């Protein structure tokens, strides 16, 4: 009897000597109608189900709005403990990888060289991972926690009127944009990178399960994993696209006086999706990479403008203060039991964890594709620690300045959009009105939002296309055009069928089941890293 990977595991249960060898050939199950290169049945199932979802949602907008309005709060309150404990476990796993000997394993093998410079690599990783989040939530979230709902939305029920608690809302915001979220991205991205570049398996989600499923991963078990990954990626991404479109509409009103309406938002999604299609046709280096670098330059420019005009010394003092509070409060913020701050915990934290997990196939596969040549330790540090520090600096600068203005009796635009009436898409522009050069800064901010929108759509279509092409990274470009277009249609369907609640409900509904997938991936990654370390 010939020795197969399965019999090797039975004969020697020590995972450090597994070779993870397979006779599977990349694309062997693909079908190629009309010159396309599609994985059967992942492409067919996912595309048909998503297209049907779009048609049903558009045909039954009131029913869709009612359903998604119920779905999100039910999911986040029912599965809060599961989401929080899972994200805690993933975070601890990533932090342990930094200090263990397996951290010296290099993605692609010991002789692999990086394809991109540090600047280009981190810019693409950050732009893909954060999307429009910094611009949409940077002012909104800290202010909301401090002042909305008469202070009942504050993290851990902290009384923000007490001395020393005036920036509690920033700490809560950093919790949602810090270690835990980026750890989910790092775990998925590292799993995909190791199994693809070190073990020679296709760059697709199912490959990470080879240590426990063996050759069965190429059958229906694998089809189910990849199809779920497509759903999670698409709905997680369209949530951001929908938020971005609403914020662009608010910006158009502020800059050009164009009244925001559902029609305007739909036209924006169509127009920006068309721009993303142009980026798709340009390819990775000329499209995503160039736009990501432009994004980072503009974002840094906007940040410097805000920190200079609101006070560098105040921003630095505030940053170190809230980071200290964040570290001190992290255990309590990460505890799912006995929580009384239900508005903060259920309304925001559990939604965020499901949203980060829904985004993880998209961001994980994208950063896996661009991270060859980096060590595990280098990868985790750059994908986890650095983004946390940058996000915290951004949120504390924008949100902290807005809080200071509100405490001083100013920032009426922020008060109107966050406290008096919840219109989150207008919070950034309400804040920028308080600063000099608004007529110049507002259009630049609007352009920055659009570019973030485009890079997210372009990167997302690249990832979904790779999954639905069976791990092929050179599939015909028309397939990426198809997925880019479908992303825009799903965002339109969700916005018309329930607005923000529909967007968030769709992300949570796919993020919760995908949490199980990520947890198992961590275990499989550990087995693979031990095997790679044993070869060194």
Protein backbone atom coordinates (compact mmCIF):
# COMPACT_ATOMS: atom_id res chain seq x y z
CA UNK A 1 0.00 0.00 0.00
CA UNK A 2 1.43 3.39 -0.99
CA UNK A 3 2.06 5.91 1.75
CA UNK A 4 -0.23 8.94 1.52
CA UNK A 5 -0.42 12.05 3.69
CA UNK A 6 -3.33 10.42 5.52
CA UNK A 7 -1.39 7.23 6.33
CA UNK A 8 1.64 9.29 7.38
CA UNK A 9 -0.49 11.00 10.00
CA UNK A 10 -1.82 7.68 11.27
CA UNK A 11 1.66 6.13 11.42
CA UNK A 12 3.26 9.15 13.07
CA UNK A 13 0.87 11.41 15.01
CA UNK A 14 3.58 13.99 15.73
CA UNK A 15 2.57 17.00 13.59
CA UNK A 16 6.14 18.28 13.51
CA UNK A 17 7.04 15.67 10.87
CA UNK A 18 4.01 16.05 8.64
CA UNK A 19 4.85 17.13 5.09
CA UNK A 20 1.29 18.15 4.15
CA UNK A 21 1.88 16.66 0.71
CA UNK A 22 -1.02 16.39 -1.70
CA UNK A 23 -1.53 15.20 -5.25
CA UNK A 24 -4.11 17.91 -5.82
CA UNK A 25 -3.21 20.25 -8.68
CA UNK A 26 -4.16 23.89 -8.67
CA UNK A 27 -7.32 24.43 -10.70
CA UNK A 28 -7.97 20.76 -11.40
CA UNK A 29 -11.68 21.11 -10.55
CA UNK A 30 -12.11 24.35 -12.48
CA UNK A 31 -14.42 24.74 -15.43
CA UNK A 32 -13.50 27.01 -18.31
CA UNK A 33 -16.57 28.19 -20.23
CA UNK A 34 -16.09 31.13 -22.63
CA UNK A 35 -12.43 31.43 -21.67
CA UNK A 36 -13.16 31.86 -17.94
CA UNK A 37 -11.49 29.88 -15.14
CA UNK A 38 -14.06 29.12 -12.43
CA UNK A 39 -13.92 26.73 -9.50
CA UNK A 40 -16.83 24.34 -9.58
CA UNK A 41 -19.04 24.47 -7.53
CA UNK A 42 -17.87 27.40 -5.32
CA UNK A 43 -18.30 30.03 -8.03
CA UNK A 44 -21.70 28.76 -9.13
CA UNK A 45 -23.20 28.39 -5.66
CA UNK A 46 -21.91 31.70 -4.28
CA UNK A 47 -22.73 33.79 -7.36
CA UNK A 48 -26.24 32.34 -7.76
CA UNK A 49 -27.12 32.73 -4.07
CA UNK A 50 -25.79 36.30 -3.91
CA UNK A 51 -27.56 37.29 -7.14
CA UNK A 52 -30.80 35.83 -5.78
CA UNK A 53 -30.29 37.80 -2.55
CA UNK A 54 -29.95 41.03 -4.53
CA UNK A 55 -33.13 40.39 -6.54
CA UNK A 56 -35.22 39.33 -3.52
CA UNK A 57 -34.03 42.28 -1.41
CA UNK A 58 -34.77 44.80 -4.15
CA UNK A 59 -38.19 43.27 -4.82
CA UNK A 60 -39.14 43.21 -1.11
CA UNK A 61 -37.50 46.30 0.37
CA UNK A 62 -39.89 46.73 3.31
CA UNK A 63 -39.66 43.07 4.32
CA UNK A 64 -35.87 43.19 4.01
CA UNK A 65 -35.71 46.30 6.18
CA UNK A 66 -37.86 44.65 8.85
CA UNK A 67 -35.84 41.43 8.79
CA UNK A 68 -32.42 43.05 9.04
CA UNK A 69 -33.68 45.49 11.67
CA UNK A 70 -34.49 42.46 13.84
CA UNK A 71 -31.51 40.31 12.85
CA UNK A 72 -28.56 42.38 14.01
CA UNK A 73 -29.63 43.07 17.64
CA UNK A 74 -30.79 39.46 18.07
CA UNK A 75 -27.47 38.06 16.86
CA UNK A 76 -25.25 40.44 18.83
CA UNK A 77 -27.14 39.88 22.10
CA UNK A 78 -27.41 36.10 21.68
CA UNK A 79 -23.85 35.35 20.61
CA UNK A 80 -22.01 38.09 22.52
CA UNK A 81 -20.11 35.67 24.79
CA UNK A 82 -19.08 33.47 21.86
CA UNK A 83 -17.73 36.36 19.80
CA UNK A 84 -15.82 37.99 22.64
CA UNK A 85 -14.24 34.78 23.95
CA UNK A 86 -13.29 33.73 20.42
CA UNK A 87 -11.62 37.04 19.63
CA UNK A 88 -9.80 36.91 22.98
CA UNK A 89 -8.44 33.46 22.11
CA UNK A 90 -7.32 34.55 18.63
CA UNK A 91 -5.56 37.61 20.07
CA UNK A 92 -3.65 35.58 22.66
CA UNK A 93 -2.66 33.08 19.98
CA UNK A 94 -1.15 35.80 17.77
CA UNK A 95 0.73 37.41 20.64
CA UNK A 96 2.22 34.05 21.61
CA UNK A 97 3.50 33.53 18.05
CA UNK A 98 5.67 36.64 18.42
CA UNK A 99 7.72 35.19 21.26
CA UNK A 100 7.81 31.47 20.42
CA UNK A 101 10.54 29.91 18.21
CA UNK A 102 8.02 29.43 15.37
CA UNK A 103 8.18 33.21 14.94
CA UNK A 104 11.40 32.73 12.98
CA UNK A 105 9.66 30.75 10.22
CA UNK A 106 9.77 32.73 6.96
CA UNK A 107 6.76 32.93 4.66
CA UNK A 108 7.80 31.26 1.40
CA UNK A 109 10.81 29.45 2.88
CA UNK A 110 14.15 30.53 4.31
CA UNK A 111 15.40 32.02 1.01
CA UNK A 112 12.21 33.94 0.15
CA UNK A 113 12.54 37.68 -0.47
CA UNK A 114 9.80 40.30 0.03
CA UNK A 115 8.01 41.46 -3.10
CA UNK A 116 7.34 44.94 -1.73
CA UNK A 117 9.18 47.53 0.33
CA UNK A 118 8.13 48.10 3.92
CA UNK A 119 6.36 51.32 2.94
CA UNK A 120 4.41 49.73 0.08
CA UNK A 121 3.63 46.59 2.08
CA UNK A 122 2.32 48.38 5.15
CA UNK A 123 0.40 50.92 3.05
CA UNK A 124 -1.47 48.18 1.16
CA UNK A 125 -2.07 46.17 4.33
CA UNK A 126 -3.38 49.17 6.23
CA UNK A 127 -5.55 50.49 3.39
CA UNK A 128 -7.15 47.08 2.87
CA UNK A 129 -7.57 46.39 6.57
CA UNK A 130 -9.05 49.66 7.73
CA UNK A 131 -11.04 50.80 4.69
CA UNK A 132 -13.03 53.94 5.41
CA UNK A 133 -13.22 53.15 9.12
CA UNK A 134 -10.87 55.88 10.30
CA UNK A 135 -12.75 58.56 8.40
CA UNK A 136 -16.26 57.34 9.24
CA UNK A 137 -15.77 56.50 12.93
CA UNK A 138 -12.80 58.67 13.97
CA UNK A 139 -15.00 61.50 15.24
CA UNK A 140 -18.32 59.67 15.52
CA UNK A 141 -17.43 56.88 17.92
CA UNK A 142 -15.57 58.68 20.74
CA UNK A 143 -18.17 61.46 20.77
CA UNK A 144 -21.10 59.03 20.73
CA UNK A 145 -19.81 57.05 23.70
CA UNK A 146 -19.26 60.20 25.73
CA UNK A 147 -22.35 62.24 24.97
CA UNK A 148 -25.10 60.32 23.15
CA UNK A 149 -27.89 58.50 25.00
CA UNK A 150 -27.26 60.79 27.98
CA UNK A 151 -23.96 59.02 28.61
CA UNK A 152 -25.52 55.53 28.69
CA UNK A 153 -23.39 54.39 25.74
CA UNK A 154 -20.11 54.84 27.61
CA UNK A 155 -17.81 51.79 27.91
CA UNK A 156 -18.20 49.87 31.19
CA UNK A 157 -20.74 52.48 32.29
CA UNK A 158 -17.97 54.97 33.14
CA UNK A 159 -19.25 58.34 34.32
CA UNK A 160 -17.57 60.75 31.89
CA UNK A 161 -18.45 63.73 34.08
CA UNK A 162 -15.94 62.64 36.70
CA UNK A 163 -12.41 64.10 36.48
CA UNK A 164 -10.06 61.84 34.54
CA UNK A 165 -12.89 60.13 32.60
CA UNK A 166 -13.38 62.76 29.90
CA UNK A 167 -11.73 60.55 27.27
CA UNK A 168 -13.43 57.26 28.16
CA UNK A 169 -15.09 57.28 24.75
CA UNK A 170 -11.68 57.23 23.06
CA UNK A 171 -10.62 54.20 25.11
CA UNK A 172 -13.76 52.38 24.01
CA UNK A 173 -13.03 53.30 20.39
CA UNK A 174 -9.43 52.06 20.58
CA UNK A 175 -10.78 48.78 21.97
CA UNK A 176 -12.76 48.31 18.77
CA UNK A 177 -9.92 49.32 16.43
CA UNK A 178 -6.99 47.84 18.33
CA UNK A 179 -5.31 44.53 19.07
CA UNK A 180 -8.32 42.24 18.90
CA UNK A 181 -9.55 43.20 15.45
CA UNK A 182 -6.11 43.18 13.85
CA UNK A 183 -5.35 39.84 15.49
CA UNK A 184 -8.22 38.29 13.54
CA UNK A 185 -6.72 39.62 10.29
CA UNK A 186 -3.25 38.43 11.26
CA UNK A 187 -4.40 34.90 12.11
CA UNK A 188 -6.25 34.42 8.83
CA UNK A 189 -3.59 36.11 6.71
CA UNK A 190 -0.73 34.14 8.25
CA UNK A 191 -2.62 30.84 7.86
CA UNK A 192 -3.22 31.46 4.18
CA UNK A 193 0.35 32.63 3.56
CA UNK A 194 1.99 29.62 5.26
CA UNK A 195 -0.18 27.00 3.57
CA UNK A 196 0.19 28.63 0.16
CA UNK A 197 3.82 29.76 0.09
CA UNK A 198 5.47 27.25 2.41
CA UNK A 199 3.39 24.14 1.86
CA UNK A 200 2.46 24.64 -1.79
CA UNK A 201 -1.31 24.49 -1.42
CA UNK A 202 -3.74 26.74 -3.32
CA UNK A 203 -4.21 30.24 -1.89
CA UNK A 204 -7.73 29.66 -0.66
CA UNK A 205 -9.41 29.22 2.70
CA UNK A 206 -9.86 25.47 2.47
CA UNK A 207 -6.11 24.87 2.25
CA UNK A 208 -5.68 25.91 5.88
CA UNK A 209 -7.76 22.92 6.96
CA UNK A 210 -5.57 20.30 5.29
CA UNK A 211 -3.94 19.18 8.59
CA UNK A 212 -7.29 17.94 9.93
CA UNK A 213 -9.27 17.15 6.77
CA UNK A 214 -6.53 15.79 4.54
CA UNK A 215 -7.62 15.13 0.95
CA UNK A 216 -11.25 15.68 1.95
CA UNK A 217 -10.49 19.40 1.91
CA UNK A 218 -10.76 19.28 -1.90
CA UNK A 219 -14.31 17.93 -1.65
CA UNK A 220 -17.53 19.26 -0.18
CA UNK A 221 -15.94 20.19 3.15
CA UNK A 222 -13.68 22.57 1.26
CA UNK A 223 -16.48 23.80 -0.99
CA UNK A 224 -18.51 24.76 2.11
CA UNK A 225 -15.55 26.59 3.72
CA UNK A 226 -14.74 28.60 0.59
CA UNK A 227 -18.39 29.42 -0.11
CA UNK A 228 -18.88 30.69 3.44
CA UNK A 229 -15.70 32.76 3.02
CA UNK A 230 -17.16 34.35 -0.12
CA UNK A 231 -20.37 35.26 1.72
CA UNK A 232 -18.47 36.68 4.71
CA UNK A 233 -16.14 38.68 2.49
CA UNK A 234 -18.89 40.09 0.30
CA UNK A 235 -21.26 41.12 3.08
CA UNK A 236 -18.48 42.40 5.32
CA UNK A 237 -17.12 44.47 2.47
CA UNK A 238 -20.46 45.82 1.29
CA UNK A 239 -21.12 47.12 4.80
CA UNK A 240 -18.08 49.34 4.43
CA UNK A 241 -19.01 50.29 0.87
CA UNK A 242 -22.47 51.32 2.02
CA UNK A 243 -21.08 53.42 4.87
CA UNK A 244 -18.60 54.99 2.47
CA UNK A 245 -21.32 55.88 0.00
CA UNK A 246 -23.37 57.53 2.73
CA UNK A 247 -20.36 59.53 3.89
CA UNK A 248 -19.52 60.61 0.34
CA UNK A 249 -23.14 61.75 -0.06
CA UNK A 250 -22.81 63.80 3.13
CA UNK A 251 -19.55 65.26 1.82
CA UNK A 252 -21.13 66.21 -1.49
CA UNK A 253 -23.80 68.07 0.39
CA UNK A 254 -21.26 69.92 2.52
CA UNK A 255 -18.93 70.77 -0.38
CA UNK A 256 -21.26 71.18 -3.35
CA UNK A 257 -24.74 71.46 -1.83
CA UNK A 258 -26.02 68.23 -3.40
CA UNK A 259 -28.94 66.99 -1.31
CA UNK A 260 -28.29 63.44 -0.02
CA UNK A 261 -30.98 60.95 -0.98
CA UNK A 262 -31.24 57.21 -1.70
CA UNK A 263 -30.94 58.00 -5.41
CA UNK A 264 -27.74 59.98 -4.85
CA UNK A 265 -26.27 57.17 -2.74
CA UNK A 266 -27.12 54.56 -5.39
CA UNK A 267 -25.57 56.70 -8.12
CA UNK A 268 -22.47 57.14 -5.97
CA UNK A 269 -22.10 53.39 -5.51
CA UNK A 270 -22.45 52.89 -9.26
CA UNK A 271 -19.96 55.64 -10.07
CA UNK A 272 -17.34 54.61 -7.55
CA UNK A 273 -17.72 50.95 -8.50
CA UNK A 274 -16.98 52.01 -12.07
CA UNK A 275 -13.78 53.69 -10.87
CA UNK A 276 -12.88 50.52 -8.98
CA UNK A 277 -13.36 48.57 -12.20
CA UNK A 278 -10.71 50.77 -13.80
CA UNK A 279 -8.35 49.95 -10.95
CA UNK A 280 -9.14 46.25 -11.42
CA UNK A 281 -8.15 46.45 -15.07
CA UNK A 282 -4.84 48.12 -14.17
CA UNK A 283 -3.81 45.18 -11.98
CA UNK A 284 -2.22 44.85 -8.52
CA UNK A 285 0.85 47.05 -8.90
CA UNK A 286 -0.60 49.79 -11.09
CA UNK A 287 -4.02 49.70 -9.42
CA UNK A 288 -4.28 48.65 -5.76
CA UNK A 289 -0.67 49.38 -4.80
CA UNK A 290 -0.61 52.87 -6.33
CA UNK A 291 -4.00 53.84 -4.91
CA UNK A 292 -3.04 52.49 -1.46
CA UNK A 293 0.10 54.61 -1.43
CA UNK A 294 -1.87 57.71 -2.53
CA UNK A 295 -4.37 56.88 0.21
CA UNK A 296 -1.70 56.76 2.87
CA UNK A 297 -0.09 60.02 1.74
CA UNK A 298 -3.44 61.85 1.79
CA UNK A 299 -4.45 60.29 5.13
CA UNK A 300 -1.14 61.30 6.71
CA UNK A 301 -1.59 64.81 5.29
CA UNK A 302 -5.10 65.10 6.76
CA UNK A 303 -3.88 63.76 10.11
CA UNK A 304 -0.99 66.26 10.25
CA UNK A 305 -3.35 69.11 9.41
CA UNK A 306 -5.74 68.14 12.21
CA UNK A 307 -3.05 67.54 14.85
CA UNK A 308 -1.31 70.84 14.06
CA UNK A 309 -4.50 72.93 14.06
CA UNK A 310 -5.88 71.31 17.24
CA UNK A 311 -2.60 71.24 19.18
CA UNK A 312 0.31 68.79 18.96
CA UNK A 313 1.11 68.90 22.66
CA UNK A 314 -2.51 68.29 23.65
CA UNK A 315 -2.77 65.40 21.18
CA UNK A 316 0.44 63.76 22.43
CA UNK A 317 -0.59 64.05 26.09
CA UNK A 318 -4.05 62.71 25.30
CA UNK A 319 -2.64 59.79 23.29
CA UNK A 320 -0.38 58.48 26.02
CA UNK A 321 -3.12 58.95 28.59
CA UNK A 322 -5.74 56.98 26.65
CA UNK A 323 -3.26 54.25 25.70
CA UNK A 324 -2.45 53.76 29.37
CA UNK A 325 -6.17 53.60 30.16
CA UNK A 326 -6.70 51.18 27.27
CA UNK A 327 -4.12 48.74 28.62
CA UNK A 328 -5.55 49.02 32.14
CA UNK A 329 -9.17 48.59 31.01
CA UNK A 330 -8.56 45.89 28.39
CA UNK A 331 -9.32 42.92 30.69
CA UNK A 332 -12.68 44.43 31.71
CA UNK A 333 -13.53 45.44 28.14
CA UNK A 334 -12.74 41.89 26.97
CA UNK A 335 -14.96 40.24 29.58
CA UNK A 336 -18.34 39.13 28.15
CA UNK A 337 -20.01 38.22 31.44
CA UNK A 338 -21.99 40.39 33.80
CA UNK A 339 -21.86 43.41 31.52
CA UNK A 340 -24.32 46.18 32.30
CA UNK A 341 -23.11 48.59 29.59
CA UNK A 342 -25.44 46.94 27.08
CA UNK A 343 -25.58 49.87 24.67
CA UNK A 344 -21.81 49.85 24.28
CA UNK A 345 -21.35 46.06 24.51
CA UNK A 346 -24.21 44.82 22.34
CA UNK A 347 -24.68 47.87 20.19
CA UNK A 348 -21.01 48.20 19.28
CA UNK A 349 -18.48 45.65 20.59
CA UNK A 350 -20.17 42.43 19.49
CA UNK A 351 -21.09 43.98 16.16
CA UNK A 352 -17.49 45.05 15.63
CA UNK A 353 -16.10 41.59 16.36
CA UNK A 354 -18.52 39.99 13.90
CA UNK A 355 -17.66 42.67 11.32
CA UNK A 356 -13.89 42.20 11.72
CA UNK A 357 -14.33 38.44 11.36
CA UNK A 358 -16.52 38.91 8.27
CA UNK A 359 -13.75 41.06 6.78
CA UNK A 360 -11.01 38.57 7.70
CA UNK A 361 -11.13 36.37 4.55
CA UNK A 362 -10.84 39.52 2.44
CA UNK A 363 -8.06 41.24 4.39
CA UNK A 364 -6.36 37.97 5.35
CA UNK A 365 -6.04 36.73 1.78
CA UNK A 366 -4.99 40.12 0.51
CA UNK A 367 -2.20 40.57 3.05
CA UNK A 368 -1.16 36.93 2.53
CA UNK A 369 -0.66 37.68 -1.17
CA UNK A 370 1.63 40.61 -0.45
CA UNK A 371 3.60 39.18 2.52
CA UNK A 372 5.88 36.58 0.99
CA UNK A 373 9.42 36.83 2.38
CA UNK A 374 8.42 38.12 5.83
CA UNK A 375 9.02 36.09 8.99
CA UNK A 376 6.07 35.07 11.16
CA UNK A 377 7.28 37.42 13.89
CA UNK A 378 7.69 40.30 11.45
CA UNK A 379 4.27 39.61 9.94
CA UNK A 380 2.43 39.54 13.26
CA UNK A 381 4.16 42.64 14.62
CA UNK A 382 3.46 44.67 11.48
CA UNK A 383 -0.10 43.37 11.09
CA UNK A 384 -1.02 43.70 14.75
CA UNK A 385 1.02 46.11 16.86
CA UNK A 386 1.72 48.87 14.31
CA UNK A 387 -1.88 49.27 13.05
CA UNK A 388 -3.18 49.32 16.62
CA UNK A 389 -0.83 52.18 17.51
CA UNK A 390 -1.74 54.13 14.35
CA UNK A 391 -5.50 53.63 14.74
CA UNK A 392 -5.28 54.72 18.37
CA UNK A 393 -3.34 57.84 17.40
CA UNK A 394 -5.90 58.74 14.74
CA UNK A 395 -8.93 58.15 16.96
CA UNK A 396 -7.47 59.99 19.93
CA UNK A 397 -6.49 62.97 17.75
CA UNK A 398 -9.77 63.36 15.84
CA UNK A 399 -12.15 62.14 18.54
CA UNK A 400 -10.24 63.80 21.36
CA UNK A 401 -10.21 67.18 19.64
CA UNK A 402 -13.96 66.89 18.99
CA UNK A 403 -14.58 66.02 22.67
CA UNK A 404 -12.52 69.01 23.78
CA UNK A 405 -14.49 71.29 21.46
CA UNK A 406 -17.83 69.96 22.75
CA UNK A 407 -16.74 70.38 26.38
CA UNK A 408 -15.81 73.97 25.55
CA UNK A 409 -19.27 74.61 24.08
CA UNK A 410 -18.30 74.39 20.40
CA UNK A 411 -18.44 71.85 17.56
CA UNK A 412 -22.09 72.44 16.77
CA UNK A 413 -21.80 70.41 13.58
CA UNK A 414 -20.64 67.39 15.56
CA UNK A 415 -23.35 67.90 18.16
CA UNK A 416 -26.02 68.06 15.48
CA UNK A 417 -24.95 64.86 13.71
CA UNK A 418 -23.93 62.65 16.65
CA UNK A 419 -25.80 63.82 19.76
CA UNK A 420 -28.94 65.72 18.77
CA UNK A 421 -29.77 63.55 15.73
CA UNK A 422 -27.88 60.40 14.81
CA UNK A 423 -26.52 61.11 11.33
CA UNK A 424 -23.13 59.37 11.55
CA UNK A 425 -22.11 60.05 7.96
CA UNK A 426 -21.92 63.78 8.72
CA UNK A 427 -19.73 63.63 11.85
CA UNK A 428 -16.37 64.10 10.11
CA UNK A 429 -17.49 67.11 8.11
CA UNK A 430 -19.17 68.62 11.18
CA UNK A 431 -15.79 68.38 12.92
CA UNK A 432 -13.76 69.77 10.02
CA UNK A 433 -16.01 72.86 9.96
CA UNK A 434 -14.44 73.86 13.26
CA UNK A 435 -10.96 73.98 11.70
CA UNK A 436 -9.40 76.55 9.33
CA UNK A 437 -9.28 76.09 5.54
CA UNK A 438 -12.52 74.09 5.53
CA UNK A 439 -13.23 74.90 1.88
CA UNK A 440 -9.93 73.22 0.95
CA UNK A 441 -9.82 70.42 3.51
CA UNK A 442 -13.40 69.21 2.98
CA UNK A 443 -12.97 68.39 -0.75
CA UNK A 444 -9.64 66.66 -0.02
CA UNK A 445 -11.33 64.57 2.68
CA UNK A 446 -14.10 63.71 0.25
CA UNK A 447 -11.55 62.53 -2.31
CA UNK A 448 -9.78 60.48 0.37
CA UNK A 449 -13.04 58.71 1.27
CA UNK A 450 -13.61 57.89 -2.40
CA UNK A 451 -10.11 56.44 -2.82
CA UNK A 452 -10.57 54.30 0.32
CA UNK A 453 -13.85 53.15 -1.20
CA UNK A 454 -12.15 52.22 -4.48
CA UNK A 455 -9.24 50.34 -2.88
CA UNK A 456 -11.63 48.30 -0.71
CA UNK A 457 -13.78 47.35 -3.68
CA UNK A 458 -10.78 46.54 -5.87
CA UNK A 459 -9.02 44.48 -3.18
CA UNK A 460 -12.24 42.69 -2.28
CA UNK A 461 -12.97 41.66 -5.85
CA UNK A 462 -9.41 40.35 -6.14
CA UNK A 463 -9.84 38.18 -3.05
CA UNK A 464 -13.27 36.81 -3.94
CA UNK A 465 -12.07 36.04 -7.45
CA UNK A 466 -9.09 34.11 -6.06
CA UNK A 467 -11.38 32.03 -3.83
CA UNK A 468 -13.89 31.32 -6.60
CA UNK A 469 -11.08 30.45 -9.03
CA UNK A 470 -9.86 27.67 -6.73
CA UNK A 471 -6.86 29.64 -5.44
CA UNK A 472 -5.62 30.84 -8.83
CA UNK A 473 -4.08 34.29 -8.71
CA UNK A 474 -3.98 34.81 -12.48
CA UNK A 475 -7.61 34.16 -13.39
CA UNK A 476 -9.08 36.18 -16.29
CA UNK A 477 -9.61 39.80 -15.25
CA UNK A 478 -13.26 39.69 -16.36
CA UNK A 479 -13.98 37.55 -13.30
CA UNK A 480 -12.77 40.33 -11.00
CA UNK A 481 -14.93 42.74 -12.98
CA UNK A 482 -17.92 40.47 -12.27
CA UNK A 483 -17.30 40.40 -8.52
CA UNK A 484 -16.56 44.11 -8.33
CA UNK A 485 -19.91 44.79 -10.02
CA UNK A 486 -21.76 42.35 -7.76
CA UNK A 487 -20.30 44.03 -4.66
CA UNK A 488 -21.84 47.32 -5.76
CA UNK A 489 -25.21 45.67 -6.42
CA UNK A 490 -25.27 44.03 -2.99
CA UNK A 491 -24.44 47.37 -1.32
CA UNK A 492 -27.33 48.99 -3.22
CA UNK A 493 -29.73 46.19 -2.30
CA UNK A 494 -28.84 46.42 1.39
CA UNK A 495 -29.07 50.21 1.53
CA UNK A 496 -32.47 50.26 -0.17
CA UNK A 497 -33.64 47.31 1.93
CA UNK A 498 -32.96 48.67 5.39
CA UNK A 499 -30.07 51.12 5.26
CA UNK A 500 -27.41 50.97 7.96
CA UNK A 501 -29.23 48.25 9.93
CA UNK A 502 -29.32 46.01 6.86
CA UNK A 503 -25.63 46.54 6.16
CA UNK A 504 -24.68 45.70 9.73
CA UNK A 505 -27.10 42.76 9.97
CA UNK A 506 -25.65 41.15 6.84
CA UNK A 507 -22.10 41.48 8.18
CA UNK A 508 -22.97 39.99 11.56
CA UNK A 509 -24.96 37.11 10.08
CA UNK A 510 -21.92 35.89 8.14
CA UNK A 511 -19.30 36.87 10.72
CA UNK A 512 -20.68 34.68 13.51
CA UNK A 513 -20.49 31.32 11.68
CA UNK A 514 -17.14 32.27 10.18
CA UNK A 515 -15.78 32.70 13.71
CA UNK A 516 -15.71 28.91 14.02
CA UNK A 517 -13.71 28.72 10.81
CA UNK A 518 -11.10 31.18 12.11
CA UNK A 519 -10.71 29.32 15.42
CA UNK A 520 -10.03 26.04 13.63
CA UNK A 521 -7.63 27.82 11.27
CA UNK A 522 -5.56 28.91 14.27
CA UNK A 523 -5.17 25.30 15.37
CA UNK A 524 -4.20 24.18 11.86
CA UNK A 525 -1.74 27.07 11.57
CA UNK A 526 -0.05 25.98 14.79
CA UNK A 527 0.41 22.46 13.40
CA UNK A 528 1.87 23.83 10.16
CA UNK A 529 4.25 26.22 11.93
CA UNK A 530 5.58 23.42 14.15
CA UNK A 531 6.22 21.35 11.03
CA UNK A 532 8.01 24.25 9.31
CA UNK A 533 10.09 25.00 12.39
CA UNK A 534 11.16 21.34 12.58
CA UNK A 535 12.58 21.60 9.03
CA UNK A 536 14.80 24.58 9.88
